[in-house]
Amino acid sequence: MQISNYENDGVKYLVLSSATKDPFRSSHYRSISIGLLINQQLKRKLKFLSDSKIKEQNVGVTCERCDVKNCMERKVPATILDKEAKNEKIEKIVEDLKIKYSS
């Protein structure tokens, strides 16, 4: 169990996960996770949400879209975010040039 904090989206989920050995493939596991959106209603119903024993983890939807720095779980770079940042930089340069030379 952990609280997954999606910083970019401003939401948190209580995530319950379980893993078992895959009966059909050796050395593989199957897992299932259930996430409950943490909102005022859930906080009223689950009094243990504020328990300090529940680990809170900053997460992203996928590694390619995650901007969590120094993530020990990262498997690939944040390529989608890098591409978006590059495109935004190019757009700004183009806008600045349009303003400069349109007068």
PDB file of N, CA and C in Angstrom:
ATOM      1  N   MET A   1       0.848  -1.158   0.000  1.00  0.00           N
ATOM      2  CA  MET A   1       0.000   0.000   0.000  1.00  0.00           C
ATOM      3  C   MET A   1       0.900   1.229   0.000  1.00  0.00           C
ATOM      4  N   GLN A   2       0.505   2.207  -0.801  1.00  0.00           N
ATOM      5  CA  GLN A   2       1.206   3.484  -0.796  1.00  0.00           C
ATOM      6  C   GLN A   2       0.251   4.565  -1.275  1.00  0.00           C
ATOM      7  N   ILE A   3       0.636   5.801  -1.011  1.00  0.00           N
ATOM      8  CA  ILE A   3      -0.076   6.932  -1.572  1.00  0.00           C
ATOM      9  C   ILE A   3       0.759   7.411  -2.745  1.00  0.00           C
ATOM     10  N   SER A   4       0.171   7.350  -3.942  1.00  0.00           N
ATOM     11  CA  SER A   4       0.855   7.803  -5.144  1.00  0.00           C
ATOM     12  C   SER A   4       0.463   9.242  -5.418  1.00  0.00           C
ATOM     13  N   ASN A   5       1.461  10.116  -5.427  1.00  0.00           N
ATOM     14  CA  ASN A   5       1.244  11.540  -5.635  1.00  0.00           C
ATOM     15  C   ASN A   5       1.617  11.889  -7.078  1.00  0.00           C
ATOM     16  N   TYR A   6       0.617  12.202  -7.886  1.00  0.00           N
ATOM     17  CA  TYR A   6       0.838  12.622  -9.265  1.00  0.00           C
ATOM     18  C   TYR A   6       0.997  14.138  -9.256  1.00  0.00           C
ATOM     19  N   GLU A   7       2.245  14.601  -9.059  1.00  0.00           N
ATOM     20  CA  GLU A   7       2.519  16.026  -8.881  1.00  0.00           C
ATOM     21  C   GLU A   7       2.001  16.881 -10.024  1.00  0.00           C
ATOM     22  N   ASN A   8       2.206  16.432 -11.264  1.00  0.00           N
ATOM     23  CA  ASN A   8       1.792  17.234 -12.423  1.00  0.00           C
ATOM     24  C   ASN A   8       0.288  17.432 -12.476  1.00  0.00           C
ATOM     25  N   ASP A   9      -0.461  16.464 -11.999  1.00  0.00           N
ATOM     26  CA  ASP A   9      -1.919  16.532 -12.075  1.00  0.00           C
ATOM     27  C   ASP A   9      -2.551  17.039 -10.786  1.00  0.00           C
ATOM     28  N   GLY A  10      -1.775  17.113  -9.717  1.00  0.00           N
ATOM     29  CA  GLY A  10      -2.294  17.601  -8.446  1.00  0.00           C
ATOM     30  C   GLY A  10      -3.258  16.644  -7.769  1.00  0.00           C
ATOM     31  N   VAL A  11      -3.108  15.352  -8.032  1.00  0.00           N
ATOM     32  CA  VAL A  11      -3.987  14.360  -7.399  1.00  0.00           C
ATOM     33  C   VAL A  11      -3.154  13.287  -6.715  1.00  0.00           C
ATOM     34  N   LYS A  12      -3.785  12.637  -5.743  1.00  0.00           N
ATOM     35  CA  LYS A  12      -3.156  11.531  -5.023  1.00  0.00           C
ATOM     36  C   LYS A  12      -4.117  10.353  -5.023  1.00  0.00           C
ATOM     37  N   TYR A  13      -3.554   9.144  -5.029  1.00  0.00           N
ATOM     38  CA  TYR A  13      -4.327   7.921  -4.961  1.00  0.00           C
ATOM     39  C   TYR A  13      -3.786   7.032  -3.854  1.00  0.00           C
ATOM     40  N   LEU A  14      -4.684   6.374  -3.155  1.00  0.00           N
ATOM     41  CA  LEU A  14      -4.293   5.296  -2.262  1.00  0.00           C
ATOM     42  C   LEU A  14      -4.228   4.065  -3.142  1.00  0.00           C
ATOM     43  N   VAL A  15      -3.052   3.448  -3.234  1.00  0.00           N
ATOM     44  CA  VAL A  15      -2.858   2.321  -4.142  1.00  0.00           C
ATOM     45  C   VAL A  15      -2.597   1.052  -3.331  1.00  0.00           C
ATOM     46  N   LEU A  16      -3.408   0.054  -3.592  1.00  0.00           N
ATOM     47  CA  LEU A  16      -3.257  -1.266  -2.971  1.00  0.00           C
ATOM     48  C   LEU A  16      -2.797  -2.218  -4.061  1.00  0.00           C
ATOM     49  N   SER A  17      -1.687  -2.916  -3.842  1.00  0.00           N
ATOM     50  CA  SER A  17      -1.114  -3.799  -4.858  1.00  0.00           C
ATOM     51  C   SER A  17      -0.818  -5.163  -4.272  1.00  0.00           C
ATOM     52  N   SER A  18      -0.897  -6.150  -5.157  1.00  0.00           N
ATOM     53  CA  SER A  18      -0.562  -7.517  -4.770  1.00  0.00           C
ATOM     54  C   SER A  18       0.119  -8.200  -5.950  1.00  0.00           C
ATOM     55  N   ALA A  19       1.162  -8.990  -5.670  1.00  0.00           N
ATOM     56  CA  ALA A  19       1.876  -9.722  -6.717  1.00  0.00           C
ATOM     57  C   ALA A  19       1.979 -11.186  -6.320  1.00  0.00           C
ATOM     58  N   THR A  20       1.825 -12.056  -7.301  1.00  0.00           N
ATOM     59  CA  THR A  20       1.969 -13.498  -7.086  1.00  0.00           C
ATOM     60  C   THR A  20       2.761 -14.094  -8.241  1.00  0.00           C
ATOM     61  N   LYS A  21       3.332 -15.258  -8.026  1.00  0.00           N
ATOM     62  CA  LYS A  21       4.062 -15.935  -9.094  1.00  0.00           C
ATOM     63  C   LYS A  21       3.103 -16.290 -10.223  1.00  0.00           C
ATOM     64  N   ASP A  22       3.584 -16.122 -11.447  1.00  0.00           N
ATOM     65  CA  ASP A  22       2.799 -16.477 -12.628  1.00  0.00           C
ATOM     66  C   ASP A  22       2.827 -17.990 -12.790  1.00  0.00           C
ATOM     67  N   PRO A  23       1.660 -18.654 -12.770  1.00  0.00           N
ATOM     68  CA  PRO A  23       1.653 -20.115 -12.867  1.00  0.00           C
ATOM     69  C   PRO A  23       2.019 -20.636 -14.258  1.00  0.00           C
ATOM     70  N   PHE A  24       2.051 -19.753 -15.251  1.00  0.00           N
ATOM     71  CA  PHE A  24       2.296 -20.190 -16.624  1.00  0.00           C
ATOM     72  C   PHE A  24       3.699 -19.863 -17.130  1.00  0.00           C
ATOM     73  N   ARG A  25       4.411 -18.973 -16.437  1.00  0.00           N
ATOM     74  CA  ARG A  25       5.764 -18.587 -16.868  1.00  0.00           C
ATOM     75  C   ARG A  25       6.671 -18.564 -15.653  1.00  0.00           C
ATOM     76  N   SER A  26       7.723 -19.359 -15.700  1.00  0.00           N
ATOM     77  CA  SER A  26       8.638 -19.398 -14.558  1.00  0.00           C
ATOM     78  C   SER A  26       9.417 -18.083 -14.468  1.00  0.00           C
ATOM     79  N   SER A  27       9.762 -17.724 -13.278  1.00  0.00           N
ATOM     80  CA  SER A  27      10.513 -16.501 -12.976  1.00  0.00           C
ATOM     81  C   SER A  27       9.761 -15.227 -13.351  1.00  0.00           C
ATOM     82  N   HIS A  28       8.431 -15.296 -13.453  1.00  0.00           N
ATOM     83  CA  HIS A  28       7.610 -14.117 -13.727  1.00  0.00           C
ATOM     84  C   HIS A  28       6.553 -13.978 -12.640  1.00  0.00           C
ATOM     85  N   TYR A  29       6.117 -12.761 -12.457  1.00  0.00           N
ATOM     86  CA  TYR A  29       5.078 -12.467 -11.475  1.00  0.00           C
ATOM     87  C   TYR A  29       3.930 -11.735 -12.150  1.00  0.00           C
ATOM     88  N   ARG A  30       2.766 -11.868 -11.561  1.00  0.00           N
ATOM     89  CA  ARG A  30       1.585 -11.108 -11.980  1.00  0.00           C
ATOM     90  C   ARG A  30       1.250 -10.155 -10.851  1.00  0.00           C
ATOM     91  N   SER A  31       0.775  -8.996 -11.218  1.00  0.00           N
ATOM     92  CA  SER A  31       0.394  -8.067 -10.167  1.00  0.00           C
ATOM     93  C   SER A  31      -0.899  -7.360 -10.543  1.00  0.00           C
ATOM     94  N   ILE A  32      -1.557  -6.907  -9.519  1.00  0.00           N
ATOM     95  CA  ILE A  32      -2.756  -6.111  -9.709  1.00  0.00           C
ATOM     96  C   ILE A  32      -2.700  -4.970  -8.708  1.00  0.00           C
ATOM     97  N   SER A  33      -3.129  -3.807  -9.157  1.00  0.00           N
ATOM     98  CA  SER A  33      -3.157  -2.628  -8.294  1.00  0.00           C
ATOM     99  C   SER A  33      -4.515  -1.962  -8.414  1.00  0.00           C
ATOM    100  N   ILE A  34      -4.999  -1.496  -7.292  1.00  0.00           N
ATOM    101  CA  ILE A  34      -6.261  -0.761  -7.252  1.00  0.00           C
ATOM    102  C   ILE A  34      -5.958   0.597  -6.642  1.00  0.00           C
ATOM    103  N   GLY A  35      -6.346   1.649  -7.343  1.00  0.00           N
ATOM    104  CA  GLY A  35      -6.109   3.002  -6.857  1.00  0.00           C
ATOM    105  C   GLY A  35      -7.409   3.699  -6.526  1.00  0.00           C
ATOM    106  N   LEU A  36      -7.454   4.313  -5.366  1.00  0.00           N
ATOM    107  CA  LEU A  36      -8.625   5.083  -4.937  1.00  0.00           C
ATOM    108  C   LEU A  36      -8.233   6.553  -4.865  1.00  0.00           C
ATOM    109  N   LEU A  37      -8.947   7.399  -5.614  1.00  0.00           N
ATOM    110  CA  LEU A  37      -8.668   8.825  -5.607  1.00  0.00           C
ATOM    111  C   LEU A  37      -8.853   9.371  -4.199  1.00  0.00           C
ATOM    112  N   ILE A  38      -7.829  10.061  -3.712  1.00  0.00           N
ATOM    113  CA  ILE A  38      -7.921  10.643  -2.378  1.00  0.00           C
ATOM    114  C   ILE A  38      -8.590  12.007  -2.503  1.00  0.00           C
ATOM    115  N   ASN A  39      -9.814  12.067  -2.033  1.00  0.00           N
ATOM    116  CA  ASN A  39     -10.576  13.311  -2.008  1.00  0.00           C
ATOM    117  C   ASN A  39     -11.201  13.441  -0.619  1.00  0.00           C
ATOM    118  N   GLN A  40     -11.994  14.462  -0.400  1.00  0.00           N
ATOM    119  CA  GLN A  40     -12.578  14.685   0.928  1.00  0.00           C
ATOM    120  C   GLN A  40     -13.453  13.513   1.370  1.00  0.00           C
ATOM    121  N   GLN A  41     -14.197  12.944   0.433  1.00  0.00           N
ATOM    122  CA  GLN A  41     -15.069  11.816   0.777  1.00  0.00           C
ATOM    123  C   GLN A  41     -14.245  10.618   1.259  1.00  0.00           C
ATOM    124  N   LEU A  42     -13.166  10.292   0.552  1.00  0.00           N
ATOM    125  CA  LEU A  42     -12.336   9.154   0.959  1.00  0.00           C
ATOM    126  C   LEU A  42     -11.670   9.434   2.300  1.00  0.00           C
ATOM    127  N   LYS A  43     -11.226  10.671   2.510  1.00  0.00           N
ATOM    128  CA  LYS A  43     -10.596  11.028   3.787  1.00  0.00           C
ATOM    129  C   LYS A  43     -11.568  10.849   4.953  1.00  0.00           C
ATOM    130  N   ARG A  44     -12.848  11.145   4.732  1.00  0.00           N
ATOM    131  CA  ARG A  44     -13.847  10.951   5.793  1.00  0.00           C
ATOM    132  C   ARG A  44     -14.088   9.473   6.070  1.00  0.00           C
ATOM    133  N   LYS A  45     -14.025   8.647   5.021  1.00  0.00           N
ATOM    134  CA  LYS A  45     -14.334   7.221   5.181  1.00  0.00           C
ATOM    135  C   LYS A  45     -13.142   6.402   5.678  1.00  0.00           C
ATOM    136  N   LEU A  46     -11.931   6.793   5.283  1.00  0.00           N
ATOM    137  CA  LEU A  46     -10.733   6.037   5.667  1.00  0.00           C
ATOM    138  C   LEU A  46      -9.876   6.887   6.594  1.00  0.00           C
ATOM    139  N   LYS A  47     -10.112   6.750   7.861  1.00  0.00           N
ATOM    140  CA  LYS A  47      -9.418   7.573   8.862  1.00  0.00           C
ATOM    141  C   LYS A  47      -7.912   7.293   8.902  1.00  0.00           C
ATOM    142  N   PHE A  48      -7.485   6.116   8.433  1.00  0.00           N
ATOM    143  CA  PHE A  48      -6.068   5.759   8.508  1.00  0.00           C
ATOM    144  C   PHE A  48      -5.217   6.411   7.412  1.00  0.00           C
ATOM    145  N   LEU A  49      -5.811   7.177   6.516  1.00  0.00           N
ATOM    146  CA  LEU A  49      -5.046   7.801   5.423  1.00  0.00           C
ATOM    147  C   LEU A  49      -3.928   8.707   5.915  1.00  0.00           C
ATOM    148  N   SER A  50      -4.093   9.284   7.077  1.00  0.00           N
ATOM    149  CA  SER A  50      -3.056  10.185   7.605  1.00  0.00           C
ATOM    150  C   SER A  50      -1.985   9.443   8.401  1.00  0.00           C
ATOM    151  N   ASP A  51      -2.042   8.123   8.427  1.00  0.00           N
ATOM    152  CA  ASP A  51      -1.056   7.331   9.161  1.00  0.00           C
ATOM    153  C   ASP A  51       0.324   7.501   8.528  1.00  0.00           C
ATOM    154  N   SER A  52       1.297   7.870   9.328  1.00  0.00           N
ATOM    155  CA  SER A  52       2.652   8.112   8.814  1.00  0.00           C
ATOM    156  C   SER A  52       3.338   6.836   8.325  1.00  0.00           C
ATOM    157  N   LYS A  53       2.789   5.683   8.641  1.00  0.00           N
ATOM    158  CA  LYS A  53       3.374   4.420   8.183  1.00  0.00           C
ATOM    159  C   LYS A  53       3.096   4.160   6.700  1.00  0.00           C
ATOM    160  N   ILE A  54       2.125   4.875   6.130  1.00  0.00           N
ATOM    161  CA  ILE A  54       1.818   4.710   4.707  1.00  0.00           C
ATOM    162  C   ILE A  54       2.798   5.561   3.913  1.00  0.00           C
ATOM    163  N   LYS A  55       3.585   4.906   3.081  1.00  0.00           N
ATOM    164  CA  LYS A  55       4.596   5.588   2.280  1.00  0.00           C
ATOM    165  C   LYS A  55       3.914   6.425   1.197  1.00  0.00           C
ATOM    166  N   GLU A  56       4.399   7.652   1.014  1.00  0.00           N
ATOM    167  CA  GLU A  56       3.914   8.499  -0.080  1.00  0.00           C
ATOM    168  C   GLU A  56       5.020   8.612  -1.116  1.00  0.00           C
ATOM    169  N   GLN A  57       4.674   8.367  -2.369  1.00  0.00           N
ATOM    170  CA  GLN A  57       5.649   8.343  -3.449  1.00  0.00           C
ATOM    171  C   GLN A  57       5.216   9.279  -4.564  1.00  0.00           C
ATOM    172  N   ASN A  58       6.119  10.162  -5.007  1.00  0.00           N
ATOM    173  CA  ASN A  58       5.840  10.978  -6.183  1.00  0.00           C
ATOM    174  C   ASN A  58       5.986  10.096  -7.409  1.00  0.00           C
ATOM    175  N   VAL A  59       4.974  10.109  -8.266  1.00  0.00           N
ATOM    176  CA  VAL A  59       4.972   9.232  -9.435  1.00  0.00           C
ATOM    177  C   VAL A  59       4.500   9.995 -10.668  1.00  0.00           C
ATOM    178  N   GLY A  60       4.691   9.375 -11.816  1.00  0.00           N
ATOM    179  CA  GLY A  60       4.169   9.864 -13.082  1.00  0.00           C
ATOM    180  C   GLY A  60       3.435   8.737 -13.760  1.00  0.00           C
ATOM    181  N   VAL A  61       2.700   9.055 -14.808  1.00  0.00           N
ATOM    182  CA  VAL A  61       1.920   8.031 -15.501  1.00  0.00           C
ATOM    183  C   VAL A  61       2.847   7.020 -16.167  1.00  0.00           C
ATOM    184  N   THR A  62       3.852   7.518 -16.898  1.00  0.00           N
ATOM    185  CA  THR A  62       4.881   6.665 -17.500  1.00  0.00           C
ATOM    186  C   THR A  62       6.219   7.365 -17.321  1.00  0.00           C
ATOM    187  N   CYS A  63       7.295   6.642 -17.420  1.00  0.00           N
ATOM    188  CA  CYS A  63       8.621   7.255 -17.288  1.00  0.00           C
ATOM    189  C   CYS A  63       8.817   8.355 -18.336  1.00  0.00           C
ATOM    190  N   GLU A  64       8.333   8.119 -19.555  1.00  0.00           N
ATOM    191  CA  GLU A  64       8.521   9.092 -20.629  1.00  0.00           C
ATOM    192  C   GLU A  64       7.810  10.413 -20.356  1.00  0.00           C
ATOM    193  N   ARG A  65       6.785  10.396 -19.502  1.00  0.00           N
ATOM    194  CA  ARG A  65       6.004  11.596 -19.195  1.00  0.00           C
ATOM    195  C   ARG A  65       6.199  12.075 -17.750  1.00  0.00           C
ATOM    196  N   CYS A  66       7.162  11.507 -17.055  1.00  0.00           N
ATOM    197  CA  CYS A  66       7.325  11.798 -15.631  1.00  0.00           C
ATOM    198  C   CYS A  66       8.466  12.779 -15.413  1.00  0.00           C
ATOM    199  N   ASP A  67       8.202  13.840 -14.630  1.00  0.00           N
ATOM    200  CA  ASP A  67       9.258  14.808 -14.352  1.00  0.00           C
ATOM    201  C   ASP A  67       9.807  14.684 -12.932  1.00  0.00           C
ATOM    202  N   VAL A  68       9.562  13.553 -12.283  1.00  0.00           N
ATOM    203  CA  VAL A  68      10.129  13.332 -10.949  1.00  0.00           C
ATOM    204  C   VAL A  68      11.647  13.205 -11.093  1.00  0.00           C
ATOM    205  N   LYS A  69      12.354  14.057 -10.383  1.00  0.00           N
ATOM    206  CA  LYS A  69      13.819  14.072 -10.465  1.00  0.00           C
ATOM    207  C   LYS A  69      14.407  13.007  -9.542  1.00  0.00           C
ATOM    208  N   ASN A  70      15.543  12.463  -9.936  1.00  0.00           N
ATOM    209  CA  ASN A  70      16.276  11.468  -9.140  1.00  0.00           C
ATOM    210  C   ASN A  70      15.415  10.272  -8.752  1.00  0.00           C
ATOM    211  N   CYS A  71      14.604   9.799  -9.679  1.00  0.00           N
ATOM    212  CA  CYS A  71      13.730   8.648  -9.419  1.00  0.00           C
ATOM    213  C   CYS A  71      14.541   7.357  -9.516  1.00  0.00           C
ATOM    214  N   MET A  72      14.536   6.591  -8.462  1.00  0.00           N
ATOM    215  CA  MET A  72      15.287   5.334  -8.436  1.00  0.00           C
ATOM    216  C   MET A  72      14.604   4.240  -9.268  1.00  0.00           C
ATOM    217  N   GLU A  73      13.331   4.448  -9.618  1.00  0.00           N
ATOM    218  CA  GLU A  73      12.574   3.448 -10.370  1.00  0.00           C
ATOM    219  C   GLU A  73      12.584   3.710 -11.878  1.00  0.00           C
ATOM    220  N   ARG A  74      13.122   4.833 -12.301  1.00  0.00           N
ATOM    221  CA  ARG A  74      13.081   5.213 -13.719  1.00  0.00           C
ATOM    222  C   ARG A  74      13.749   4.148 -14.581  1.00  0.00           C
ATOM    223  N   LYS A  75      13.050   3.773 -15.653  1.00  0.00           N
ATOM    224  CA  LYS A  75      13.584   2.775 -16.587  1.00  0.00           C
ATOM    225  C   LYS A  75      14.043   3.404 -17.894  1.00  0.00           C
ATOM    226  N   VAL A  76      13.420   4.519 -18.292  1.00  0.00           N
ATOM    227  CA  VAL A  76      13.800   5.230 -19.514  1.00  0.00           C
ATOM    228  C   VAL A  76      13.724   6.731 -19.241  1.00  0.00           C
ATOM    229  N   PRO A  77      14.432   7.535 -20.034  1.00  0.00           N
ATOM    230  CA  PRO A  77      14.390   8.991 -19.846  1.00  0.00           C
ATOM    231  C   PRO A  77      12.997   9.566 -20.138  1.00  0.00           C
ATOM    232  N   ALA A  78      12.779  10.772 -19.682  1.00  0.00           N
ATOM    233  CA  ALA A  78      11.503  11.472 -19.889  1.00  0.00           C
ATOM    234  C   ALA A  78      11.479  12.074 -21.298  1.00  0.00           C
ATOM    235  N   THR A  79      11.530  11.232 -22.310  1.00  0.00           N
ATOM    236  CA  THR A  79      11.675  11.677 -23.698  1.00  0.00           C
ATOM    237  C   THR A  79      10.515  12.539 -24.175  1.00  0.00           C
ATOM    238  N   ILE A  80       9.315  12.234 -23.767  1.00  0.00           N
ATOM    239  CA  ILE A  80       8.153  13.021 -24.213  1.00  0.00           C
ATOM    240  C   ILE A  80       8.222  14.421 -23.620  1.00  0.00           C
ATOM    241  N   LEU A  81       8.564  14.520 -22.344  1.00  0.00           N
ATOM    242  CA  LEU A  81       8.701  15.836 -21.721  1.00  0.00           C
ATOM    243  C   LEU A  81       9.854  16.613 -22.340  1.00  0.00           C
ATOM    244  N   ASP A  82      10.950  15.930 -22.652  1.00  0.00           N
ATOM    245  CA  ASP A  82      12.086  16.597 -23.291  1.00  0.00           C
ATOM    246  C   ASP A  82      11.684  17.158 -24.655  1.00  0.00           C
ATOM    247  N   LYS A  83      10.940  16.372 -25.411  1.00  0.00           N
ATOM    248  CA  LYS A  83      10.483  16.804 -26.735  1.00  0.00           C
ATOM    249  C   LYS A  83       9.534  17.997 -26.616  1.00  0.00           C
ATOM    250  N   GLU A  84       8.617  17.955 -25.647  1.00  0.00           N
ATOM    251  CA  GLU A  84       7.691  19.067 -25.441  1.00  0.00           C
ATOM    252  C   GLU A  84       8.447  20.338 -25.063  1.00  0.00           C
ATOM    253  N   ALA A  85       9.445  20.216 -24.203  1.00  0.00           N
ATOM    254  CA  ALA A  85      10.236  21.378 -23.789  1.00  0.00           C
ATOM    255  C   ALA A  85      11.000  21.964 -24.974  1.00  0.00           C
ATOM    256  N   LYS A  86      11.547  21.095 -25.823  1.00  0.00           N
ATOM    257  CA  LYS A  86      12.275  21.549 -27.009  1.00  0.00           C
ATOM    258  C   LYS A  86      11.330  22.296 -27.942  1.00  0.00           C
ATOM    259  N   ASN A  87      10.130  21.747 -28.160  1.00  0.00           N
ATOM    260  CA  ASN A  87       9.149  22.388 -29.041  1.00  0.00           C
ATOM    261  C   ASN A  87       8.704  23.742 -28.489  1.00  0.00           C
ATOM    262  N   GLU A  88       8.516  23.829 -27.178  1.00  0.00           N
ATOM    263  CA  GLU A  88       8.132  25.102 -26.561  1.00  0.00           C
ATOM    264  C   GLU A  88       9.231  26.146 -26.738  1.00  0.00           C
ATOM    265  N   LYS A  89      10.479  25.722 -26.609  1.00  0.00           N
ATOM    266  CA  LYS A  89      11.602  26.629 -26.787  1.00  0.00           C
ATOM    267  C   LYS A  89      11.644  27.153 -28.221  1.00  0.00           C
ATOM    268  N   ILE A  90      11.431  26.256 -29.185  1.00  0.00           N
ATOM    269  CA  ILE A  90      11.418  26.659 -30.597  1.00  0.00           C
ATOM    270  C   ILE A  90      10.270  27.628 -30.865  1.00  0.00           C
ATOM    271  N   GLU A  91       9.087  27.335 -30.311  1.00  0.00           N
ATOM    272  CA  GLU A  91       7.933  28.224 -30.482  1.00  0.00           C
ATOM    273  C   GLU A  91       8.227  29.615 -29.944  1.00  0.00           C
ATOM    274  N   LYS A  92       8.868  29.689 -28.798  1.00  0.00           N
ATOM    275  CA  LYS A  92       9.188  30.988 -28.202  1.00  0.00           C
ATOM    276  C   LYS A  92      10.162  31.753 -29.082  1.00  0.00           C
ATOM    277  N   ILE A  93      11.169  31.077 -29.594  1.00  0.00           N
ATOM    278  CA  ILE A  93      12.145  31.723 -30.481  1.00  0.00           C
ATOM    279  C   ILE A  93      11.445  32.267 -31.722  1.00  0.00           C
ATOM    280  N   VAL A  94      10.573  31.480 -32.322  1.00  0.00           N
ATOM    281  CA  VAL A  94       9.835  31.897 -33.513  1.00  0.00           C
ATOM    282  C   VAL A  94       8.960  33.106 -33.192  1.00  0.00           C
ATOM    283  N   GLU A  95       8.249  33.074 -32.067  1.00  0.00           N
ATOM    284  CA  GLU A  95       7.403  34.203 -31.668  1.00  0.00           C
ATOM    285  C   GLU A  95       8.233  35.471 -31.473  1.00  0.00           C
ATOM    286  N   ASP A  96       9.383  35.314 -30.807  1.00  0.00           N
ATOM    287  CA  ASP A  96      10.260  36.465 -30.590  1.00  0.00           C
ATOM    288  C   ASP A  96      10.743  37.048 -31.920  1.00  0.00           C
ATOM    289  N   LEU A  97      11.083  36.167 -32.865  1.00  0.00           N
ATOM    290  CA  LEU A  97      11.530  36.631 -34.199  1.00  0.00           C
ATOM    291  C   LEU A  97      10.387  37.321 -34.949  1.00  0.00           C
ATOM    292  N   LYS A  98       9.177  36.778 -34.844  1.00  0.00           N
ATOM    293  CA  LYS A  98       8.022  37.399 -35.507  1.00  0.00           C
ATOM    294  C   LYS A  98       7.776  38.793 -34.963  1.00  0.00           C
ATOM    295  N   ILE A  99       7.868  38.945 -33.661  1.00  0.00           N
ATOM    296  CA  ILE A  99       7.662  40.249 -33.041  1.00  0.00           C
ATOM    297  C   ILE A  99       8.760  41.215 -33.452  1.00  0.00           C
ATOM    298  N   LYS A 100       9.983  40.730 -33.457  1.00  0.00           N
ATOM    299  CA  LYS A 100      11.136  41.578 -33.780  1.00  0.00           C
ATOM    300  C   LYS A 100      11.074  42.090 -35.216  1.00  0.00           C
ATOM    301  N   TYR A 101      10.686  41.240 -36.178  1.00  0.00           N
ATOM    302  CA  TYR A 101      10.744  41.603 -37.587  1.00  0.00           C
ATOM    303  C   TYR A 101       9.389  41.970 -38.201  1.00  0.00           C
ATOM    304  N   SER A 102       8.341  42.013 -37.404  1.00  0.00           N
ATOM    305  CA  SER A 102       7.029  42.359 -37.977  1.00  0.00           C
ATOM    306  C   SER A 102       6.773  43.866 -37.923  1.00  0.00           C
ATOM    307  N   SER A 103       7.581  44.588 -37.233  1.00  0.00           N
ATOM    308  CA  SER A 103       7.372  46.050 -37.108  1.00  0.00           C
ATOM    309  C   SER A 103       7.906  46.817 -38.269  1.00  0.00           C
TER     310      SER A 103
END
